[in-house]
Amino acid sequence: MKEVTDVISPYEQMQAINQNFKMSSAFNLIGKDVKAKVAKDAEGKEFEEIAGKVDGVRMNNGSIYAQIGEKEVLVDNIYQVN
């Protein structure tokens, strides 16, 4: 009987490294004051600015979110860190 081994492709390895880097960067935002721009509507025509201190971060379905007060925003939407 032939053994089957799982081989991780270089592409998958790079994806994992990239995801780990993004998560590490997100953890570094905790305790920092940030500003983010978030779409108010599904079409992305209206935006609101969220500003405040990052209280925590979490990952959900491959996306990383920052907790800013009562709001959760995608880390990718943060445009300023103080």
PDB file of N, CA and C in Angstrom:
ATOM      1  N   MET A   1       0.846  -1.178   0.000  1.00  0.00           N
ATOM      2  CA  MET A   1       0.000   0.000   0.000  1.00  0.00           C
ATOM      3  C   MET A   1       0.889   1.238   0.000  1.00  0.00           C
ATOM      4  N   LYS A   2       0.542   2.152  -0.843  1.00  0.00           N
ATOM      5  CA  LYS A   2       1.322   3.363  -1.017  1.00  0.00           C
ATOM      6  C   LYS A   2       0.879   4.417  -0.006  1.00  0.00           C
ATOM      7  N   GLU A   3       1.845   5.028   0.676  1.00  0.00           N
ATOM      8  CA  GLU A   3       1.518   6.099   1.616  1.00  0.00           C
ATOM      9  C   GLU A   3       1.325   7.405   0.860  1.00  0.00           C
ATOM     10  N   VAL A   4       0.345   8.173   1.292  1.00  0.00           N
ATOM     11  CA  VAL A   4       0.077   9.470   0.682  1.00  0.00           C
ATOM     12  C   VAL A   4       0.535  10.545   1.662  1.00  0.00           C
ATOM     13  N   THR A   5       1.347  11.449   1.182  1.00  0.00           N
ATOM     14  CA  THR A   5       1.799  12.537   2.041  1.00  0.00           C
ATOM     15  C   THR A   5       1.272  13.841   1.485  1.00  0.00           C
ATOM     16  N   ASP A   6       0.933  14.727   2.381  1.00  0.00           N
ATOM     17  CA  ASP A   6       0.477  16.056   1.981  1.00  0.00           C
ATOM     18  C   ASP A   6       1.702  16.937   1.770  1.00  0.00           C
ATOM     19  N   VAL A   7       1.769  17.512   0.612  1.00  0.00           N
ATOM     20  CA  VAL A   7       2.868  18.398   0.291  1.00  0.00           C
ATOM     21  C   VAL A   7       2.296  19.803   0.153  1.00  0.00           C
ATOM     22  N   ILE A   8       2.897  20.730   0.861  1.00  0.00           N
ATOM     23  CA  ILE A   8       2.450  22.115   0.788  1.00  0.00           C
ATOM     24  C   ILE A   8       3.214  22.794  -0.336  1.00  0.00           C
ATOM     25  N   SER A   9       2.480  23.368  -1.253  1.00  0.00           N
ATOM     26  CA  SER A   9       3.097  24.027  -2.398  1.00  0.00           C
ATOM     27  C   SER A   9       3.771  25.328  -1.955  1.00  0.00           C
ATOM     28  N   PRO A  10       4.736  25.808  -2.718  1.00  0.00           N
ATOM     29  CA  PRO A  10       5.361  27.100  -2.398  1.00  0.00           C
ATOM     30  C   PRO A  10       4.327  28.228  -2.317  1.00  0.00           C
ATOM     31  N   TYR A  11       3.313  28.171  -3.168  1.00  0.00           N
ATOM     32  CA  TYR A  11       2.256  29.184  -3.128  1.00  0.00           C
ATOM     33  C   TYR A  11       1.522  29.161  -1.789  1.00  0.00           C
ATOM     34  N   GLU A  12       1.174  27.965  -1.318  1.00  0.00           N
ATOM     35  CA  GLU A  12       0.493  27.837  -0.025  1.00  0.00           C
ATOM     36  C   GLU A  12       1.394  28.283   1.115  1.00  0.00           C
ATOM     37  N   GLN A  13       2.687  27.991   1.008  1.00  0.00           N
ATOM     38  CA  GLN A  13       3.636  28.436   2.029  1.00  0.00           C
ATOM     39  C   GLN A  13       3.690  29.960   2.088  1.00  0.00           C
ATOM     40  N   MET A  14       3.713  30.605   0.924  1.00  0.00           N
ATOM     41  CA  MET A  14       3.752  32.070   0.877  1.00  0.00           C
ATOM     42  C   MET A  14       2.463  32.666   1.433  1.00  0.00           C
ATOM     43  N   GLN A  15       1.338  32.036   1.147  1.00  0.00           N
ATOM     44  CA  GLN A  15       0.067  32.511   1.695  1.00  0.00           C
ATOM     45  C   GLN A  15       0.085  32.439   3.220  1.00  0.00           C
ATOM     46  N   ALA A  16       0.585  31.350   3.766  1.00  0.00           N
ATOM     47  CA  ALA A  16       0.645  31.186   5.220  1.00  0.00           C
ATOM     48  C   ALA A  16       1.577  32.214   5.838  1.00  0.00           C
ATOM     49  N   ILE A  17       2.720  32.449   5.224  1.00  0.00           N
ATOM     50  CA  ILE A  17       3.665  33.449   5.735  1.00  0.00           C
ATOM     51  C   ILE A  17       3.033  34.830   5.696  1.00  0.00           C
ATOM     52  N   ASN A  18       2.363  35.144   4.598  1.00  0.00           N
ATOM     53  CA  ASN A  18       1.704  36.440   4.452  1.00  0.00           C
ATOM     54  C   ASN A  18       0.622  36.629   5.516  1.00  0.00           C
ATOM     55  N   GLN A  19      -0.181  35.597   5.758  1.00  0.00           N
ATOM     56  CA  GLN A  19      -1.244  35.679   6.757  1.00  0.00           C
ATOM     57  C   GLN A  19      -0.657  35.865   8.154  1.00  0.00           C
ATOM     58  N   ASN A  20       0.429  35.166   8.455  1.00  0.00           N
ATOM     59  CA  ASN A  20       1.081  35.318   9.760  1.00  0.00           C
ATOM     60  C   ASN A  20       1.633  36.727   9.927  1.00  0.00           C
ATOM     61  N   PHE A  21       2.214  37.280   8.857  1.00  0.00           N
ATOM     62  CA  PHE A  21       2.742  38.640   8.913  1.00  0.00           C
ATOM     63  C   PHE A  21       1.618  39.643   9.162  1.00  0.00           C
ATOM     64  N   LYS A  22       0.482  39.480   8.462  1.00  0.00           N
ATOM     65  CA  LYS A  22      -0.654  40.382   8.648  1.00  0.00           C
ATOM     66  C   LYS A  22      -1.179  40.315  10.080  1.00  0.00           C
ATOM     67  N   MET A  23      -1.252  39.103  10.633  1.00  0.00           N
ATOM     68  CA  MET A  23      -1.760  38.954  11.993  1.00  0.00           C
ATOM     69  C   MET A  23      -0.803  39.591  12.993  1.00  0.00           C
ATOM     70  N   SER A  24       0.500  39.404  12.802  1.00  0.00           N
ATOM     71  CA  SER A  24       1.492  40.028  13.688  1.00  0.00           C
ATOM     72  C   SER A  24       1.382  41.545  13.628  1.00  0.00           C
ATOM     73  N   SER A  25       1.220  42.074  12.420  1.00  0.00           N
ATOM     74  CA  SER A  25       1.068  43.521  12.259  1.00  0.00           C
ATOM     75  C   SER A  25      -0.195  44.016  12.957  1.00  0.00           C
ATOM     76  N   ALA A  26      -1.264  43.247  12.860  1.00  0.00           N
ATOM     77  CA  ALA A  26      -2.520  43.625  13.508  1.00  0.00           C
ATOM     78  C   ALA A  26      -2.365  43.646  15.024  1.00  0.00           C
ATOM     79  N   PHE A  27      -1.678  42.646  15.588  1.00  0.00           N
ATOM     80  CA  PHE A  27      -1.461  42.630  17.039  1.00  0.00           C
ATOM     81  C   PHE A  27      -0.695  43.868  17.497  1.00  0.00           C
ATOM     82  N   ASN A  28       0.192  44.376  16.654  1.00  0.00           N
ATOM     83  CA  ASN A  28       0.957  45.572  17.001  1.00  0.00           C
ATOM     84  C   ASN A  28       0.094  46.827  17.057  1.00  0.00           C
ATOM     85  N   LEU A  29      -1.120  46.770  16.526  1.00  0.00           N
ATOM     86  CA  LEU A  29      -2.033  47.917  16.578  1.00  0.00           C
ATOM     87  C   LEU A  29      -2.732  48.043  17.928  1.00  0.00           C
ATOM     88  N   ILE A  30      -2.760  46.986  18.718  1.00  0.00           N
ATOM     89  CA  ILE A  30      -3.463  47.020  19.996  1.00  0.00           C
ATOM     90  C   ILE A  30      -2.874  48.119  20.881  1.00  0.00           C
ATOM     91  N   GLY A  31      -3.770  48.975  21.384  1.00  0.00           N
ATOM     92  CA  GLY A  31      -3.366  50.085  22.243  1.00  0.00           C
ATOM     93  C   GLY A  31      -3.030  51.358  21.487  1.00  0.00           C
ATOM     94  N   LYS A  32      -3.017  51.300  20.157  1.00  0.00           N
ATOM     95  CA  LYS A  32      -2.688  52.478  19.351  1.00  0.00           C
ATOM     96  C   LYS A  32      -3.960  53.178  18.896  1.00  0.00           C
ATOM     97  N   ASP A  33      -3.855  54.495  18.734  1.00  0.00           N
ATOM     98  CA  ASP A  33      -4.950  55.276  18.171  1.00  0.00           C
ATOM     99  C   ASP A  33      -4.883  55.180  16.657  1.00  0.00           C
ATOM    100  N   VAL A  34      -6.022  54.887  16.034  1.00  0.00           N
ATOM    101  CA  VAL A  34      -6.068  54.698  14.587  1.00  0.00           C
ATOM    102  C   VAL A  34      -7.270  55.428  14.000  1.00  0.00           C
ATOM    103  N   LYS A  35      -7.221  55.575  12.676  1.00  0.00           N
ATOM    104  CA  LYS A  35      -8.365  56.062  11.913  1.00  0.00           C
ATOM    105  C   LYS A  35      -8.602  55.082  10.767  1.00  0.00           C
ATOM    106  N   ALA A  36      -9.884  54.808  10.518  1.00  0.00           N
ATOM    107  CA  ALA A  36     -10.260  53.891   9.439  1.00  0.00           C
ATOM    108  C   ALA A  36     -11.429  54.477   8.674  1.00  0.00           C
ATOM    109  N   LYS A  37     -11.506  54.137   7.405  1.00  0.00           N
ATOM    110  CA  LYS A  37     -12.616  54.554   6.555  1.00  0.00           C
ATOM    111  C   LYS A  37     -13.432  53.309   6.234  1.00  0.00           C
ATOM    112  N   VAL A  38     -14.729  53.350   6.565  1.00  0.00           N
ATOM    113  CA  VAL A  38     -15.593  52.176   6.423  1.00  0.00           C
ATOM    114  C   VAL A  38     -16.818  52.553   5.597  1.00  0.00           C
ATOM    115  N   ALA A  39     -17.182  51.694   4.647  1.00  0.00           N
ATOM    116  CA  ALA A  39     -18.371  51.921   3.827  1.00  0.00           C
ATOM    117  C   ALA A  39     -19.627  51.859   4.691  1.00  0.00           C
ATOM    118  N   LYS A  40     -20.501  52.827   4.505  1.00  0.00           N
ATOM    119  CA  LYS A  40     -21.764  52.866   5.236  1.00  0.00           C
ATOM    120  C   LYS A  40     -22.861  52.092   4.502  1.00  0.00           C
ATOM    121  N   ASP A  41     -22.689  51.917   3.185  1.00  0.00           N
ATOM    122  CA  ASP A  41     -23.704  51.220   2.403  1.00  0.00           C
ATOM    123  C   ASP A  41     -23.068  50.080   1.614  1.00  0.00           C
ATOM    124  N   ALA A  42     -23.888  49.175   1.140  1.00  0.00           N
ATOM    125  CA  ALA A  42     -23.396  47.989   0.434  1.00  0.00           C
ATOM    126  C   ALA A  42     -22.694  48.332  -0.874  1.00  0.00           C
ATOM    127  N   GLU A  43     -23.097  49.429  -1.506  1.00  0.00           N
ATOM    128  CA  GLU A  43     -22.491  49.829  -2.772  1.00  0.00           C
ATOM    129  C   GLU A  43     -21.147  50.527  -2.583  1.00  0.00           C
ATOM    130  N   GLY A  44     -20.824  50.922  -1.357  1.00  0.00           N
ATOM    131  CA  GLY A  44     -19.563  51.613  -1.095  1.00  0.00           C
ATOM    132  C   GLY A  44     -19.544  53.037  -1.604  1.00  0.00           C
ATOM    133  N   LYS A  45     -20.717  53.671  -1.644  1.00  0.00           N
ATOM    134  CA  LYS A  45     -20.796  55.055  -2.114  1.00  0.00           C
ATOM    135  C   LYS A  45     -20.645  56.059  -0.977  1.00  0.00           C
ATOM    136  N   GLU A  46     -21.016  55.657   0.226  1.00  0.00           N
ATOM    137  CA  GLU A  46     -20.905  56.533   1.387  1.00  0.00           C
ATOM    138  C   GLU A  46     -19.985  55.885   2.413  1.00  0.00           C
ATOM    139  N   PHE A  47     -19.150  56.721   3.022  1.00  0.00           N
ATOM    140  CA  PHE A  47     -18.176  56.223   3.992  1.00  0.00           C
ATOM    141  C   PHE A  47     -18.298  56.972   5.308  1.00  0.00           C
ATOM    142  N   GLU A  48     -17.874  56.304   6.361  1.00  0.00           N
ATOM    143  CA  GLU A  48     -17.767  56.972   7.657  1.00  0.00           C
ATOM    144  C   GLU A  48     -16.364  56.738   8.191  1.00  0.00           C
ATOM    145  N   GLU A  49     -15.880  57.712   8.941  1.00  0.00           N
ATOM    146  CA  GLU A  49     -14.560  57.589   9.536  1.00  0.00           C
ATOM    147  C   GLU A  49     -14.720  57.078  10.965  1.00  0.00           C
ATOM    148  N   ILE A  50     -13.954  56.062  11.288  1.00  0.00           N
ATOM    149  CA  ILE A  50     -13.923  55.510  12.641  1.00  0.00           C
ATOM    150  C   ILE A  50     -12.567  55.891  13.224  1.00  0.00           C
ATOM    151  N   ALA A  51     -12.572  56.462  14.406  1.00  0.00           N
ATOM    152  CA  ALA A  51     -11.319  56.842  15.060  1.00  0.00           C
ATOM    153  C   ALA A  51     -11.369  56.377  16.507  1.00  0.00           C
ATOM    154  N   GLY A  52     -10.228  55.908  16.998  1.00  0.00           N
ATOM    155  CA  GLY A  52     -10.152  55.479  18.392  1.00  0.00           C
ATOM    156  C   GLY A  52      -9.004  54.531  18.621  1.00  0.00           C
ATOM    157  N   LYS A  53      -8.956  54.011  19.843  1.00  0.00           N
ATOM    158  CA  LYS A  53      -7.899  53.098  20.238  1.00  0.00           C
ATOM    159  C   LYS A  53      -8.299  51.667  19.898  1.00  0.00           C
ATOM    160  N   VAL A  54      -7.351  50.897  19.379  1.00  0.00           N
ATOM    161  CA  VAL A  54      -7.593  49.489  19.075  1.00  0.00           C
ATOM    162  C   VAL A  54      -7.534  48.703  20.377  1.00  0.00           C
ATOM    163  N   ASP A  55      -8.666  48.069  20.705  1.00  0.00           N
ATOM    164  CA  ASP A  55      -8.760  47.295  21.942  1.00  0.00           C
ATOM    165  C   ASP A  55      -8.386  45.827  21.738  1.00  0.00           C
ATOM    166  N   GLY A  56      -8.496  45.347  20.511  1.00  0.00           N
ATOM    167  CA  GLY A  56      -8.170  43.954  20.235  1.00  0.00           C
ATOM    168  C   GLY A  56      -8.270  43.683  18.748  1.00  0.00           C
ATOM    169  N   VAL A  57      -7.822  42.499  18.358  1.00  0.00           N
ATOM    170  CA  VAL A  57      -7.927  42.065  16.964  1.00  0.00           C
ATOM    171  C   VAL A  57      -8.396  40.620  16.931  1.00  0.00           C
ATOM    172  N   ARG A  58      -9.024  40.243  15.824  1.00  0.00           N
ATOM    173  CA  ARG A  58      -9.454  38.859  15.648  1.00  0.00           C
ATOM    174  C   ARG A  58      -9.465  38.520  14.169  1.00  0.00           C
ATOM    175  N   MET A  59      -9.405  37.237  13.886  1.00  0.00           N
ATOM    176  CA  MET A  59      -9.474  36.759  12.513  1.00  0.00           C
ATOM    177  C   MET A  59     -10.785  36.014  12.320  1.00  0.00           C
ATOM    178  N   ASN A  60     -11.438  36.271  11.180  1.00  0.00           N
ATOM    179  CA  ASN A  60     -12.673  35.581  10.842  1.00  0.00           C
ATOM    180  C   ASN A  60     -12.659  35.294   9.342  1.00  0.00           C
ATOM    181  N   ASN A  61     -12.693  34.028   8.982  1.00  0.00           N
ATOM    182  CA  ASN A  61     -12.692  33.606   7.580  1.00  0.00           C
ATOM    183  C   ASN A  61     -11.547  34.230   6.781  1.00  0.00           C
ATOM    184  N   GLY A  62     -10.384  34.311   7.386  1.00  0.00           N
ATOM    185  CA  GLY A  62      -9.211  34.822   6.689  1.00  0.00           C
ATOM    186  C   GLY A  62      -9.069  36.326   6.702  1.00  0.00           C
ATOM    187  N   SER A  63     -10.064  37.043   7.210  1.00  0.00           N
ATOM    188  CA  SER A  63      -9.995  38.501   7.312  1.00  0.00           C
ATOM    189  C   SER A  63      -9.666  38.888   8.746  1.00  0.00           C
ATOM    190  N   ILE A  64      -8.872  39.950   8.888  1.00  0.00           N
ATOM    191  CA  ILE A  64      -8.453  40.393  10.219  1.00  0.00           C
ATOM    192  C   ILE A  64      -9.185  41.682  10.570  1.00  0.00           C
ATOM    193  N   TYR A  65      -9.803  41.679  11.733  1.00  0.00           N
ATOM    194  CA  TYR A  65     -10.599  42.802  12.204  1.00  0.00           C
ATOM    195  C   TYR A  65      -9.975  43.422  13.453  1.00  0.00           C
ATOM    196  N   ALA A  66     -10.087  44.752  13.551  1.00  0.00           N
ATOM    197  CA  ALA A  66      -9.645  45.480  14.741  1.00  0.00           C
ATOM    198  C   ALA A  66     -10.883  45.960  15.482  1.00  0.00           C
ATOM    199  N   GLN A  67     -10.865  45.822  16.799  1.00  0.00           N
ATOM    200  CA  GLN A  67     -11.948  46.317  17.653  1.00  0.00           C
ATOM    201  C   GLN A  67     -11.594  47.736  18.058  1.00  0.00           C
ATOM    202  N   ILE A  68     -12.401  48.698  17.596  1.00  0.00           N
ATOM    203  CA  ILE A  68     -12.200  50.110  17.927  1.00  0.00           C
ATOM    204  C   ILE A  68     -13.458  50.570  18.634  1.00  0.00           C
ATOM    205  N   GLY A  69     -13.397  50.680  19.948  1.00  0.00           N
ATOM    206  CA  GLY A  69     -14.600  50.992  20.709  1.00  0.00           C
ATOM    207  C   GLY A  69     -15.621  49.893  20.514  1.00  0.00           C
ATOM    208  N   GLU A  70     -16.825  50.272  20.086  1.00  0.00           N
ATOM    209  CA  GLU A  70     -17.909  49.304  19.848  1.00  0.00           C
ATOM    210  C   GLU A  70     -17.907  48.773  18.417  1.00  0.00           C
ATOM    211  N   LYS A  71     -17.005  49.267  17.584  1.00  0.00           N
ATOM    212  CA  LYS A  71     -16.990  48.898  16.166  1.00  0.00           C
ATOM    213  C   LYS A  71     -15.872  47.919  15.859  1.00  0.00           C
ATOM    214  N   GLU A  72     -16.124  47.074  14.869  1.00  0.00           N
ATOM    215  CA  GLU A  72     -15.100  46.193  14.314  1.00  0.00           C
ATOM    216  C   GLU A  72     -14.855  46.615  12.880  1.00  0.00           C
ATOM    217  N   VAL A  73     -13.593  46.852  12.537  1.00  0.00           N
ATOM    218  CA  VAL A  73     -13.264  47.258  11.173  1.00  0.00           C
ATOM    219  C   VAL A  73     -12.173  46.350  10.621  1.00  0.00           C
ATOM    220  N   LEU A  74     -12.219  46.148   9.316  1.00  0.00           N
ATOM    221  CA  LEU A  74     -11.142  45.405   8.672  1.00  0.00           C
ATOM    222  C   LEU A  74      -9.838  46.172   8.852  1.00  0.00           C
ATOM    223  N   VAL A  75      -8.793  45.470   9.212  1.00  0.00           N
ATOM    224  CA  VAL A  75      -7.492  46.101   9.396  1.00  0.00           C
ATOM    225  C   VAL A  75      -7.057  46.791   8.098  1.00  0.00           C
ATOM    226  N   ASP A  76      -7.440  46.232   6.960  1.00  0.00           N
ATOM    227  CA  ASP A  76      -7.091  46.830   5.669  1.00  0.00           C
ATOM    228  C   ASP A  76      -7.699  48.218   5.486  1.00  0.00           C
ATOM    229  N   ASN A  77      -8.746  48.552   6.247  1.00  0.00           N
ATOM    230  CA  ASN A  77      -9.394  49.857   6.134  1.00  0.00           C
ATOM    231  C   ASN A  77      -8.760  50.921   7.022  1.00  0.00           C
ATOM    232  N   ILE A  78      -7.797  50.541   7.834  1.00  0.00           N
ATOM    233  CA  ILE A  78      -7.089  51.510   8.693  1.00  0.00           C
ATOM    234  C   ILE A  78      -6.078  52.251   7.846  1.00  0.00           C
ATOM    235  N   TYR A  79      -6.162  53.587   7.860  1.00  0.00           N
ATOM    236  CA  TYR A  79      -5.252  54.380   7.035  1.00  0.00           C
ATOM    237  C   TYR A  79      -4.310  55.266   7.846  1.00  0.00           C
ATOM    238  N   GLN A  80      -4.507  55.334   9.162  1.00  0.00           N
ATOM    239  CA  GLN A  80      -3.629  56.171   9.997  1.00  0.00           C
ATOM    240  C   GLN A  80      -3.433  55.491  11.356  1.00  0.00           C
ATOM    241  N   VAL A  81      -2.188  55.480  11.816  1.00  0.00           N
ATOM    242  CA  VAL A  81      -1.857  54.939  13.140  1.00  0.00           C
ATOM    243  C   VAL A  81      -1.038  55.999  13.856  1.00  0.00           C
ATOM    244  N   ASN A  82      -1.447  56.334  15.085  1.00  0.00           N
ATOM    245  CA  ASN A  82      -0.701  57.316  15.886  1.00  0.00           C
ATOM    246  C   ASN A  82      -0.022  56.627  17.048  1.00  0.00           C
TER     247      ASN A  82
END
